Amino acid sequence: MSSFEALDGIVKKVQSNPGLLQEFRKFSGKIFQFSLKEGDAFHLSIGPDGTPMLERGNHQSPSATITASDSALVDILTGKADAVQSFFMGKVKVSGDLMSVQGLVNLLKKIR
């Protein structure tokens, strides 16, 4: 499974759950760019009603950019690795709105 597929599974859960959509509303207007060390980039944008949309490619003005290997992101998204530990070990780099990324990570932990 790729990191795109792992995140897509989470996005589909959120899109079909009104309670989760409400929680995602706090990230309204945010765009999280995922830049892989290998493979294609993708981004997660959050609509005004909290609806997350996952698209392949780069966004011109993301709120934050997360850079990692595909396998490191899969491990984080599936709960095999801790995002904060991965960050401090240098497996994941974040630029931009770090607080929003931290909030997103905490919310994704609840959904897995």
PDB file of N, CA and C in Angstrom:
ATOM      1  N   MET A   1       0.844  -1.176   0.000  1.00  0.00           N
ATOM      2  CA  MET A   1       0.000   0.000   0.000  1.00  0.00           C
ATOM      3  C   MET A   1       0.892   1.243   0.000  1.00  0.00           C
ATOM      4  N   SER A   2       0.542   2.208  -0.823  1.00  0.00           N
ATOM      5  CA  SER A   2       1.286   3.472  -0.877  1.00  0.00           C
ATOM      6  C   SER A   2       0.712   4.456   0.145  1.00  0.00           C
ATOM      7  N   SER A   3       1.445   5.523   0.408  1.00  0.00           N
ATOM      8  CA  SER A   3       0.955   6.544   1.335  1.00  0.00           C
ATOM      9  C   SER A   3      -0.288   7.230   0.772  1.00  0.00           C
ATOM     10  N   PHE A   4      -0.350   7.395  -0.550  1.00  0.00           N
ATOM     11  CA  PHE A   4      -1.542   7.983  -1.164  1.00  0.00           C
ATOM     12  C   PHE A   4      -2.749   7.096  -0.886  1.00  0.00           C
ATOM     13  N   GLU A   5      -2.595   5.790  -1.058  1.00  0.00           N
ATOM     14  CA  GLU A   5      -3.706   4.855  -0.826  1.00  0.00           C
ATOM     15  C   GLU A   5      -4.114   4.828   0.645  1.00  0.00           C
ATOM     16  N   ALA A   6      -3.131   4.886   1.541  1.00  0.00           N
ATOM     17  CA  ALA A   6      -3.432   4.893   2.974  1.00  0.00           C
ATOM     18  C   ALA A   6      -4.218   6.143   3.356  1.00  0.00           C
ATOM     19  N   LEU A   7      -3.779   7.299   2.859  1.00  0.00           N
ATOM     20  CA  LEU A   7      -4.476   8.544   3.173  1.00  0.00           C
ATOM     21  C   LEU A   7      -5.832   8.596   2.486  1.00  0.00           C
ATOM     22  N   ASP A   8      -5.935   8.041   1.289  1.00  0.00           N
ATOM     23  CA  ASP A   8      -7.214   8.003   0.579  1.00  0.00           C
ATOM     24  C   ASP A   8      -8.248   7.202   1.373  1.00  0.00           C
ATOM     25  N   GLY A   9      -7.831   6.110   1.990  1.00  0.00           N
ATOM     26  CA  GLY A   9      -8.742   5.328   2.821  1.00  0.00           C
ATOM     27  C   GLY A   9      -9.264   6.136   3.997  1.00  0.00           C
ATOM     28  N   ILE A  10      -8.396   6.922   4.615  1.00  0.00           N
ATOM     29  CA  ILE A  10      -8.803   7.778   5.729  1.00  0.00           C
ATOM     30  C   ILE A  10      -9.755   8.859   5.242  1.00  0.00           C
ATOM     31  N   VAL A  11      -9.437   9.469   4.105  1.00  0.00           N
ATOM     32  CA  VAL A  11     -10.283  10.524   3.533  1.00  0.00           C
ATOM     33  C   VAL A  11     -11.692   9.998   3.274  1.00  0.00           C
ATOM     34  N   LYS A  12     -11.799   8.800   2.744  1.00  0.00           N
ATOM     35  CA  LYS A  12     -13.119   8.218   2.463  1.00  0.00           C
ATOM     36  C   LYS A  12     -13.916   7.989   3.742  1.00  0.00           C
ATOM     37  N   LYS A  13     -13.247   7.590   4.827  1.00  0.00           N
ATOM     38  CA  LYS A  13     -13.931   7.432   6.117  1.00  0.00           C
ATOM     39  C   LYS A  13     -14.486   8.770   6.587  1.00  0.00           C
ATOM     40  N   VAL A  14     -13.677   9.808   6.460  1.00  0.00           N
ATOM     41  CA  VAL A  14     -14.086  11.141   6.913  1.00  0.00           C
ATOM     42  C   VAL A  14     -15.258  11.649   6.083  1.00  0.00           C
ATOM     43  N   GLN A  15     -15.182  11.478   4.770  1.00  0.00           N
ATOM     44  CA  GLN A  15     -16.231  11.983   3.880  1.00  0.00           C
ATOM     45  C   GLN A  15     -17.587  11.351   4.170  1.00  0.00           C
ATOM     46  N   SER A  16     -17.606  10.151   4.727  1.00  0.00           N
ATOM     47  CA  SER A  16     -18.874   9.468   4.990  1.00  0.00           C
ATOM     48  C   SER A  16     -19.312   9.564   6.453  1.00  0.00           C
ATOM     49  N   ASN A  17     -18.625  10.380   7.251  1.00  0.00           N
ATOM     50  CA  ASN A  17     -18.935  10.470   8.671  1.00  0.00           C
ATOM     51  C   ASN A  17     -19.128  11.935   9.077  1.00  0.00           C
ATOM     52  N   PRO A  18     -20.382  12.366   9.319  1.00  0.00           N
ATOM     53  CA  PRO A  18     -20.645  13.766   9.674  1.00  0.00           C
ATOM     54  C   PRO A  18     -19.866  14.246  10.904  1.00  0.00           C
ATOM     55  N   GLY A  19     -19.669  13.387  11.880  1.00  0.00           N
ATOM     56  CA  GLY A  19     -18.917  13.776  13.071  1.00  0.00           C
ATOM     57  C   GLY A  19     -17.465  14.091  12.757  1.00  0.00           C
ATOM     58  N   LEU A  20     -16.869  13.269  11.895  1.00  0.00           N
ATOM     59  CA  LEU A  20     -15.479  13.512  11.504  1.00  0.00           C
ATOM     60  C   LEU A  20     -15.365  14.761  10.632  1.00  0.00           C
ATOM     61  N   LEU A  21     -16.362  14.967   9.766  1.00  0.00           N
ATOM     62  CA  LEU A  21     -16.357  16.186   8.938  1.00  0.00           C
ATOM     63  C   LEU A  21     -16.352  17.424   9.828  1.00  0.00           C
ATOM     64  N   GLN A  22     -17.129  17.364  10.899  1.00  0.00           N
ATOM     65  CA  GLN A  22     -17.188  18.487  11.839  1.00  0.00           C
ATOM     66  C   GLN A  22     -15.807  18.742  12.453  1.00  0.00           C
ATOM     67  N   GLU A  23     -15.104  17.675  12.798  1.00  0.00           N
ATOM     68  CA  GLU A  23     -13.764  17.838  13.376  1.00  0.00           C
ATOM     69  C   GLU A  23     -12.775  18.392  12.352  1.00  0.00           C
ATOM     70  N   PHE A  24     -12.934  18.015  11.101  1.00  0.00           N
ATOM     71  CA  PHE A  24     -12.040  18.500  10.042  1.00  0.00           C
ATOM     72  C   PHE A  24     -12.306  19.966   9.708  1.00  0.00           C
ATOM     73  N   ARG A  25     -13.461  20.471  10.122  1.00  0.00           N
ATOM     74  CA  ARG A  25     -13.821  21.861   9.820  1.00  0.00           C
ATOM     75  C   ARG A  25     -12.797  22.858  10.360  1.00  0.00           C
ATOM     76  N   LYS A  26     -12.135  22.500  11.455  1.00  0.00           N
ATOM     77  CA  LYS A  26     -11.143  23.417  12.038  1.00  0.00           C
ATOM     78  C   LYS A  26      -9.932  23.625  11.116  1.00  0.00           C
ATOM     79  N   PHE A  27      -9.807  22.765  10.102  1.00  0.00           N
ATOM     80  CA  PHE A  27      -8.724  22.896   9.129  1.00  0.00           C
ATOM     81  C   PHE A  27      -9.218  23.484   7.805  1.00  0.00           C
ATOM     82  N   SER A  28     -10.401  24.049   7.816  1.00  0.00           N
ATOM     83  CA  SER A  28     -11.007  24.626   6.612  1.00  0.00           C
ATOM     84  C   SER A  28     -10.029  25.580   5.919  1.00  0.00           C
ATOM     85  N   GLY A  29      -9.853  25.369   4.627  1.00  0.00           N
ATOM     86  CA  GLY A  29      -8.969  26.222   3.838  1.00  0.00           C
ATOM     87  C   GLY A  29      -7.504  25.812   3.857  1.00  0.00           C
ATOM     88  N   LYS A  30      -7.152  24.838   4.669  1.00  0.00           N
ATOM     89  CA  LYS A  30      -5.757  24.386   4.754  1.00  0.00           C
ATOM     90  C   LYS A  30      -5.445  23.409   3.625  1.00  0.00           C
ATOM     91  N   ILE A  31      -4.218  23.455   3.171  1.00  0.00           N
ATOM     92  CA  ILE A  31      -3.744  22.539   2.128  1.00  0.00           C
ATOM     93  C   ILE A  31      -2.432  21.935   2.614  1.00  0.00           C
ATOM     94  N   PHE A  32      -2.410  20.622   2.708  1.00  0.00           N
ATOM     95  CA  PHE A  32      -1.242  19.888   3.169  1.00  0.00           C
ATOM     96  C   PHE A  32      -0.600  19.185   1.975  1.00  0.00           C
ATOM     97  N   GLN A  33       0.597  19.624   1.626  1.00  0.00           N
ATOM     98  CA  GLN A  33       1.334  19.052   0.498  1.00  0.00           C
ATOM     99  C   GLN A  33       2.208  17.912   1.005  1.00  0.00           C
ATOM    100  N   PHE A  34       2.144  16.768   0.347  1.00  0.00           N
ATOM    101  CA  PHE A  34       2.986  15.621   0.675  1.00  0.00           C
ATOM    102  C   PHE A  34       3.989  15.442  -0.462  1.00  0.00           C
ATOM    103  N   SER A  35       5.259  15.687  -0.160  1.00  0.00           N
ATOM    104  CA  SER A  35       6.330  15.546  -1.150  1.00  0.00           C
ATOM    105  C   SER A  35       7.120  14.297  -0.796  1.00  0.00           C
ATOM    106  N   LEU A  36       7.043  13.319  -1.661  1.00  0.00           N
ATOM    107  CA  LEU A  36       7.712  12.048  -1.408  1.00  0.00           C
ATOM    108  C   LEU A  36       9.135  12.074  -1.937  1.00  0.00           C
ATOM    109  N   LYS A  37      10.032  11.435  -1.211  1.00  0.00           N
ATOM    110  CA  LYS A  37      11.421  11.348  -1.657  1.00  0.00           C
ATOM    111  C   LYS A  37      11.526  10.495  -2.910  1.00  0.00           C
ATOM    112  N   GLU A  38      10.558   9.604  -3.083  1.00  0.00           N
ATOM    113  CA  GLU A  38      10.443   8.802  -4.301  1.00  0.00           C
ATOM    114  C   GLU A  38       8.950   8.714  -4.612  1.00  0.00           C
ATOM    115  N   GLY A  39       8.603   8.791  -5.851  1.00  0.00           N
ATOM    116  CA  GLY A  39       7.187   8.714  -6.205  1.00  0.00           C
ATOM    117  C   GLY A  39       6.560  10.076  -6.403  1.00  0.00           C
ATOM    118  N   ASP A  40       5.275  10.059  -6.691  1.00  0.00           N
ATOM    119  CA  ASP A  40       4.541  11.275  -7.027  1.00  0.00           C
ATOM    120  C   ASP A  40       4.056  12.014  -5.788  1.00  0.00           C
ATOM    121  N   ALA A  41       4.065  13.330  -5.878  1.00  0.00           N
ATOM    122  CA  ALA A  41       3.555  14.177  -4.804  1.00  0.00           C
ATOM    123  C   ALA A  41       2.027  14.187  -4.843  1.00  0.00           C
ATOM    124  N   PHE A  42       1.431  14.540  -3.708  1.00  0.00           N
ATOM    125  CA  PHE A  42      -0.023  14.700  -3.634  1.00  0.00           C
ATOM    126  C   PHE A  42      -0.336  15.707  -2.540  1.00  0.00           C
ATOM    127  N   HIS A  43      -1.563  16.201  -2.535  1.00  0.00           N
ATOM    128  CA  HIS A  43      -1.946  17.163  -1.506  1.00  0.00           C
ATOM    129  C   HIS A  43      -3.360  16.903  -1.011  1.00  0.00           C
ATOM    130  N   LEU A  44      -3.569  17.284   0.238  1.00  0.00           N
ATOM    131  CA  LEU A  44      -4.852  17.146   0.913  1.00  0.00           C
ATOM    132  C   LEU A  44      -5.371  18.546   1.175  1.00  0.00           C
ATOM    133  N   SER A  45      -6.527  18.873   0.606  1.00  0.00           N
ATOM    134  CA  SER A  45      -7.131  20.182   0.850  1.00  0.00           C
ATOM    135  C   SER A  45      -8.425  19.981   1.631  1.00  0.00           C
ATOM    136  N   ILE A  46      -8.698  20.914   2.536  1.00  0.00           N
ATOM    137  CA  ILE A  46      -9.876  20.821   3.394  1.00  0.00           C
ATOM    138  C   ILE A  46     -10.850  21.927   3.000  1.00  0.00           C
ATOM    139  N   GLY A  47     -12.054  21.522   2.595  1.00  0.00           N
ATOM    140  CA  GLY A  47     -13.083  22.470   2.170  1.00  0.00           C
ATOM    141  C   GLY A  47     -13.716  23.199   3.341  1.00  0.00           C
ATOM    142  N   PRO A  48     -14.548  24.213   3.055  1.00  0.00           N
ATOM    143  CA  PRO A  48     -15.180  25.022   4.099  1.00  0.00           C
ATOM    144  C   PRO A  48     -16.047  24.213   5.067  1.00  0.00           C
ATOM    145  N   ASP A  49     -16.622  23.118   4.575  1.00  0.00           N
ATOM    146  CA  ASP A  49     -17.471  22.289   5.440  1.00  0.00           C
ATOM    147  C   ASP A  49     -16.691  21.157   6.098  1.00  0.00           C
ATOM    148  N   GLY A  50     -15.368  21.157   5.928  1.00  0.00           N
ATOM    149  CA  GLY A  50     -14.524  20.125   6.517  1.00  0.00           C
ATOM    150  C   GLY A  50     -14.237  18.954   5.604  1.00  0.00           C
ATOM    151  N   THR A  51     -14.805  18.963   4.402  1.00  0.00           N
ATOM    152  CA  THR A  51     -14.600  17.843   3.484  1.00  0.00           C
ATOM    153  C   THR A  51     -13.157  17.809   2.983  1.00  0.00           C
ATOM    154  N   PRO A  52     -12.450  16.706   3.239  1.00  0.00           N
ATOM    155  CA  PRO A  52     -11.090  16.586   2.723  1.00  0.00           C
ATOM    156  C   PRO A  52     -11.102  16.075   1.285  1.00  0.00           C
ATOM    157  N   MET A  53     -10.214  16.613   0.476  1.00  0.00           N
ATOM    158  CA  MET A  53     -10.064  16.186  -0.917  1.00  0.00           C
ATOM    159  C   MET A  53      -8.592  15.855  -1.139  1.00  0.00           C
ATOM    160  N   LEU A  54      -8.334  14.667  -1.639  1.00  0.00           N
ATOM    161  CA  LEU A  54      -6.976  14.222  -1.894  1.00  0.00           C
ATOM    162  C   LEU A  54      -6.736  14.219  -3.395  1.00  0.00           C
ATOM    163  N   GLU A  55      -5.678  14.907  -3.826  1.00  0.00           N
ATOM    164  CA  GLU A  55      -5.372  15.000  -5.252  1.00  0.00           C
ATOM    165  C   GLU A  55      -3.888  14.756  -5.486  1.00  0.00           C
ATOM    166  N   ARG A  56      -3.592  14.151  -6.610  1.00  0.00           N
ATOM    167  CA  ARG A  56      -2.192  13.936  -6.996  1.00  0.00           C
ATOM    168  C   ARG A  56      -1.611  15.250  -7.519  1.00  0.00           C
ATOM    169  N   GLY A  57      -0.311  15.400  -7.361  1.00  0.00           N
ATOM    170  CA  GLY A  57       0.375  16.584  -7.864  1.00  0.00           C
ATOM    171  C   GLY A  57       0.683  17.587  -6.769  1.00  0.00           C
ATOM    172  N   ASN A  58       1.380  18.636  -7.175  1.00  0.00           N
ATOM    173  CA  ASN A  58       1.765  19.699  -6.251  1.00  0.00           C
ATOM    174  C   ASN A  58       0.730  20.803  -6.249  1.00  0.00           C
ATOM    175  N   HIS A  59       0.567  21.441  -5.102  1.00  0.00           N
ATOM    176  CA  HIS A  59      -0.291  22.616  -4.991  1.00  0.00           C
ATOM    177  C   HIS A  59       0.621  23.838  -4.989  1.00  0.00           C
ATOM    178  N   GLN A  60       0.169  24.925  -5.617  1.00  0.00           N
ATOM    179  CA  GLN A  60       1.020  26.112  -5.743  1.00  0.00           C
ATOM    180  C   GLN A  60       1.268  26.828  -4.423  1.00  0.00           C
ATOM    181  N   SER A  61       0.306  26.786  -3.503  1.00  0.00           N
ATOM    182  CA  SER A  61       0.498  27.510  -2.241  1.00  0.00           C
ATOM    183  C   SER A  61      -0.056  26.713  -1.056  1.00  0.00           C
ATOM    184  N   PRO A  62       0.633  25.635  -0.687  1.00  0.00           N
ATOM    185  CA  PRO A  62       0.161  24.840   0.447  1.00  0.00           C
ATOM    186  C   PRO A  62       0.361  25.561   1.778  1.00  0.00           C
ATOM    187  N   SER A  63      -0.460  25.213   2.748  1.00  0.00           N
ATOM    188  CA  SER A  63      -0.304  25.739   4.111  1.00  0.00           C
ATOM    189  C   SER A  63       0.928  25.132   4.767  1.00  0.00           C
ATOM    190  N   ALA A  64       1.181  23.865   4.440  1.00  0.00           N
ATOM    191  CA  ALA A  64       2.334  23.154   4.992  1.00  0.00           C
ATOM    192  C   ALA A  64       2.777  22.084   4.003  1.00  0.00           C
ATOM    193  N   THR A  65       4.051  21.781   4.041  1.00  0.00           N
ATOM    194  CA  THR A  65       4.603  20.720   3.199  1.00  0.00           C
ATOM    195  C   THR A  65       5.248  19.675   4.092  1.00  0.00           C
ATOM    196  N   ILE A  66       4.873  18.425   3.865  1.00  0.00           N
ATOM    197  CA  ILE A  66       5.416  17.289   4.599  1.00  0.00           C
ATOM    198  C   ILE A  66       6.271  16.498   3.614  1.00  0.00           C
ATOM    199  N   THR A  67       7.541  16.330   3.929  1.00  0.00           N
ATOM    200  CA  THR A  67       8.461  15.604   3.056  1.00  0.00           C
ATOM    201  C   THR A  67       8.947  14.357   3.782  1.00  0.00           C
ATOM    202  N   ALA A  68       8.816  13.216   3.108  1.00  0.00           N
ATOM    203  CA  ALA A  68       9.228  11.941   3.699  1.00  0.00           C
ATOM    204  C   ALA A  68       9.293  10.883   2.610  1.00  0.00           C
ATOM    205  N   SER A  69       9.801   9.729   2.970  1.00  0.00           N
ATOM    206  CA  SER A  69       9.728   8.598   2.046  1.00  0.00           C
ATOM    207  C   SER A  69       8.304   8.049   2.082  1.00  0.00           C
ATOM    208  N   ASP A  70       7.932   7.364   1.034  1.00  0.00           N
ATOM    209  CA  ASP A  70       6.598   6.772   0.980  1.00  0.00           C
ATOM    210  C   ASP A  70       6.408   5.793   2.134  1.00  0.00           C
ATOM    211  N   SER A  71       7.411   4.988   2.409  1.00  0.00           N
ATOM    212  CA  SER A  71       7.284   3.984   3.476  1.00  0.00           C
ATOM    213  C   SER A  71       7.153   4.631   4.856  1.00  0.00           C
ATOM    214  N   ALA A  72       7.851   5.741   5.100  1.00  0.00           N
ATOM    215  CA  ALA A  72       7.727   6.434   6.387  1.00  0.00           C
ATOM    216  C   ALA A  72       6.314   6.978   6.567  1.00  0.00           C
ATOM    217  N   LEU A  73       5.746   7.541   5.492  1.00  0.00           N
ATOM    218  CA  LEU A  73       4.371   8.050   5.581  1.00  0.00           C
ATOM    219  C   LEU A  73       3.365   6.922   5.783  1.00  0.00           C
ATOM    220  N   VAL A  74       3.556   5.813   5.102  1.00  0.00           N
ATOM    221  CA  VAL A  74       2.657   4.661   5.290  1.00  0.00           C
ATOM    222  C   VAL A  74       2.696   4.224   6.746  1.00  0.00           C
ATOM    223  N   ASP A  75       3.886   4.129   7.311  1.00  0.00           N
ATOM    224  CA  ASP A  75       4.013   3.706   8.709  1.00  0.00           C
ATOM    225  C   ASP A  75       3.292   4.661   9.652  1.00  0.00           C
ATOM    226  N   ILE A  76       3.382   5.952   9.398  1.00  0.00           N
ATOM    227  CA  ILE A  76       2.697   6.936  10.238  1.00  0.00           C
ATOM    228  C   ILE A  76       1.186   6.832  10.055  1.00  0.00           C
ATOM    229  N   LEU A  77       0.739   6.767   8.816  1.00  0.00           N
ATOM    230  CA  LEU A  77      -0.700   6.740   8.535  1.00  0.00           C
ATOM    231  C   LEU A  77      -1.379   5.461   9.017  1.00  0.00           C
ATOM    232  N   THR A  78      -0.632   4.378   9.111  1.00  0.00           N
ATOM    233  CA  THR A  78      -1.210   3.112   9.562  1.00  0.00           C
ATOM    234  C   THR A  78      -0.965   2.852  11.047  1.00  0.00           C
ATOM    235  N   GLY A  79      -0.276   3.765  11.717  1.00  0.00           N
ATOM    236  CA  GLY A  79      -0.043   3.622  13.146  1.00  0.00           C
ATOM    237  C   GLY A  79       1.164   2.787  13.520  1.00  0.00           C
ATOM    238  N   LYS A  80       1.964   2.384  12.555  1.00  0.00           N
ATOM    239  CA  LYS A  80       3.161   1.587  12.848  1.00  0.00           C
ATOM    240  C   LYS A  80       4.300   2.451  13.381  1.00  0.00           C
ATOM    241  N   ALA A  81       4.243   3.749  13.097  1.00  0.00           N
ATOM    242  CA  ALA A  81       5.273   4.676  13.566  1.00  0.00           C
ATOM    243  C   ALA A  81       4.602   5.924  14.122  1.00  0.00           C
ATOM    244  N   ASP A  82       5.265   6.547  15.075  1.00  0.00           N
ATOM    245  CA  ASP A  82       4.771   7.781  15.667  1.00  0.00           C
ATOM    246  C   ASP A  82       5.277   8.970  14.843  1.00  0.00           C
ATOM    247  N   ALA A  83       4.380   9.873  14.506  1.00  0.00           N
ATOM    248  CA  ALA A  83       4.735  11.016  13.659  1.00  0.00           C
ATOM    249  C   ALA A  83       5.770  11.917  14.319  1.00  0.00           C
ATOM    250  N   VAL A  84       5.613  12.178  15.605  1.00  0.00           N
ATOM    251  CA  VAL A  84       6.544  13.072  16.300  1.00  0.00           C
ATOM    252  C   VAL A  84       7.935  12.443  16.373  1.00  0.00           C
ATOM    253  N   GLN A  85       7.997  11.166  16.711  1.00  0.00           N
ATOM    254  CA  GLN A  85       9.293  10.482  16.748  1.00  0.00           C
ATOM    255  C   GLN A  85       9.942  10.474  15.366  1.00  0.00           C
ATOM    256  N   SER A  86       9.137  10.226  14.342  1.00  0.00           N
ATOM    257  CA  SER A  86       9.663  10.220  12.972  1.00  0.00           C
ATOM    258  C   SER A  86      10.218  11.587  12.594  1.00  0.00           C
ATOM    259  N   PHE A  87       9.547  12.649  13.046  1.00  0.00           N
ATOM    260  CA  PHE A  87      10.002  14.014  12.794  1.00  0.00           C
ATOM    261  C   PHE A  87      11.365  14.246  13.454  1.00  0.00           C
ATOM    262  N   PHE A  88      11.474  13.887  14.737  1.00  0.00           N
ATOM    263  CA  PHE A  88      12.724  14.128  15.458  1.00  0.00           C
ATOM    264  C   PHE A  88      13.857  13.213  15.006  1.00  0.00           C
ATOM    265  N   MET A  89      13.521  12.088  14.399  1.00  0.00           N
ATOM    266  CA  MET A  89      14.542  11.183  13.858  1.00  0.00           C
ATOM    267  C   MET A  89      14.970  11.600  12.452  1.00  0.00           C
ATOM    268  N   GLY A  90      14.329  12.640  11.901  1.00  0.00           N
ATOM    269  CA  GLY A  90      14.683  13.128  10.578  1.00  0.00           C
ATOM    270  C   GLY A  90      14.044  12.360   9.434  1.00  0.00           C
ATOM    271  N   LYS A  91      13.119  11.466   9.743  1.00  0.00           N
ATOM    272  CA  LYS A  91      12.444  10.701   8.693  1.00  0.00           C
ATOM    273  C   LYS A  91      11.363  11.522   7.999  1.00  0.00           C
ATOM    274  N   VAL A  92      10.882  12.559   8.695  1.00  0.00           N
ATOM    275  CA  VAL A  92       9.837  13.435   8.163  1.00  0.00           C
ATOM    276  C   VAL A  92      10.279  14.876   8.387  1.00  0.00           C
ATOM    277  N   LYS A  93      10.100  15.705   7.370  1.00  0.00           N
ATOM    278  CA  LYS A  93      10.382  17.135   7.490  1.00  0.00           C
ATOM    279  C   LYS A  93       9.089  17.887   7.233  1.00  0.00           C
ATOM    280  N   VAL A  94       8.898  18.975   7.971  1.00  0.00           N
ATOM    281  CA  VAL A  94       7.695  19.787   7.822  1.00  0.00           C
ATOM    282  C   VAL A  94       8.115  21.234   7.650  1.00  0.00           C
ATOM    283  N   SER A  95       7.521  21.901   6.667  1.00  0.00           N
ATOM    284  CA  SER A  95       7.724  23.338   6.513  1.00  0.00           C
ATOM    285  C   SER A  95       6.355  23.992   6.416  1.00  0.00           C
ATOM    286  N   GLY A  96       6.282  25.230   6.864  1.00  0.00           N
ATOM    287  CA  GLY A  96       4.999  25.931   6.832  1.00  0.00           C
ATOM    288  C   GLY A  96       4.301  25.857   8.181  1.00  0.00           C
ATOM    289  N   ASP A  97       2.995  25.681   8.154  1.00  0.00           N
ATOM    290  CA  ASP A  97       2.141  25.728   9.340  1.00  0.00           C
ATOM    291  C   ASP A  97       2.272  24.445  10.170  1.00  0.00           C
ATOM    292  N   LEU A  98       3.285  24.409  11.009  1.00  0.00           N
ATOM    293  CA  LEU A  98       3.575  23.229  11.824  1.00  0.00           C
ATOM    294  C   LEU A  98       2.433  22.898  12.784  1.00  0.00           C
ATOM    295  N   MET A  99       1.782  23.907  13.337  1.00  0.00           N
ATOM    296  CA  MET A  99       0.688  23.667  14.287  1.00  0.00           C
ATOM    297  C   MET A  99      -0.484  22.949  13.616  1.00  0.00           C
ATOM    298  N   SER A 100      -0.792  23.321  12.390  1.00  0.00           N
ATOM    299  CA  SER A 100      -1.876  22.641  11.676  1.00  0.00           C
ATOM    300  C   SER A 100      -1.505  21.196  11.362  1.00  0.00           C
ATOM    301  N   VAL A 101      -0.248  20.966  11.018  1.00  0.00           N
ATOM    302  CA  VAL A 101       0.198  19.591  10.749  1.00  0.00           C
ATOM    303  C   VAL A 101       0.068  18.759  12.021  1.00  0.00           C
ATOM    304  N   GLN A 102       0.469  19.325  13.147  1.00  0.00           N
ATOM    305  CA  GLN A 102       0.358  18.608  14.414  1.00  0.00           C
ATOM    306  C   GLN A 102      -1.108  18.307  14.737  1.00  0.00           C
ATOM    307  N   GLY A 103      -1.984  19.266  14.510  1.00  0.00           N
ATOM    308  CA  GLY A 103      -3.413  19.045  14.735  1.00  0.00           C
ATOM    309  C   GLY A 103      -3.973  17.972  13.816  1.00  0.00           C
ATOM    310  N   LEU A 104      -3.551  17.987  12.558  1.00  0.00           N
ATOM    311  CA  LEU A 104      -3.996  16.973  11.599  1.00  0.00           C
ATOM    312  C   LEU A 104      -3.525  15.585  12.031  1.00  0.00           C
ATOM    313  N   VAL A 105      -2.285  15.479  12.458  1.00  0.00           N
ATOM    314  CA  VAL A 105      -1.743  14.191  12.908  1.00  0.00           C
ATOM    315  C   VAL A 105      -2.561  13.658  14.083  1.00  0.00           C
ATOM    316  N   ASN A 106      -2.871  14.530  15.038  1.00  0.00           N
ATOM    317  CA  ASN A 106      -3.661  14.103  16.194  1.00  0.00           C
ATOM    318  C   ASN A 106      -5.048  13.630  15.780  1.00  0.00           C
ATOM    319  N   LEU A 107      -5.650  14.302  14.827  1.00  0.00           N
ATOM    320  CA  LEU A 107      -6.975  13.900  14.345  1.00  0.00           C
ATOM    321  C   LEU A 107      -6.899  12.587  13.574  1.00  0.00           C
ATOM    322  N   LEU A 108      -5.878  12.414  12.769  1.00  0.00           N
ATOM    323  CA  LEU A 108      -5.724  11.171  12.009  1.00  0.00           C
ATOM    324  C   LEU A 108      -5.533   9.967  12.932  1.00  0.00           C
ATOM    325  N   LYS A 109      -4.891  10.191  14.086  1.00  0.00           N
ATOM    326  CA  LYS A 109      -4.718   9.108  15.058  1.00  0.00           C
ATOM    327  C   LYS A 109      -6.072   8.587  15.531  1.00  0.00           C
ATOM    328  N   LYS A 110      -7.026   9.486  15.716  1.00  0.00           N
ATOM    329  CA  LYS A 110      -8.369   9.099  16.173  1.00  0.00           C
ATOM    330  C   LYS A 110      -9.118   8.278  15.126  1.00  0.00           C
ATOM    331  N   ILE A 111      -8.832   8.545  13.866  1.00  0.00           N
ATOM    332  CA  ILE A 111      -9.598   7.945  12.766  1.00  0.00           C
ATOM    333  C   ILE A 111      -9.111   6.545  12.423  1.00  0.00           C
ATOM    334  N   ARG A 112      -7.823   6.302  12.513  1.00  0.00           N
ATOM    335  CA  ARG A 112      -7.255   5.005  12.097  1.00  0.00           C
ATOM    336  C   ARG A 112      -8.006   3.847  12.633  1.00  0.00           C
TER     337      ARG A 112
END
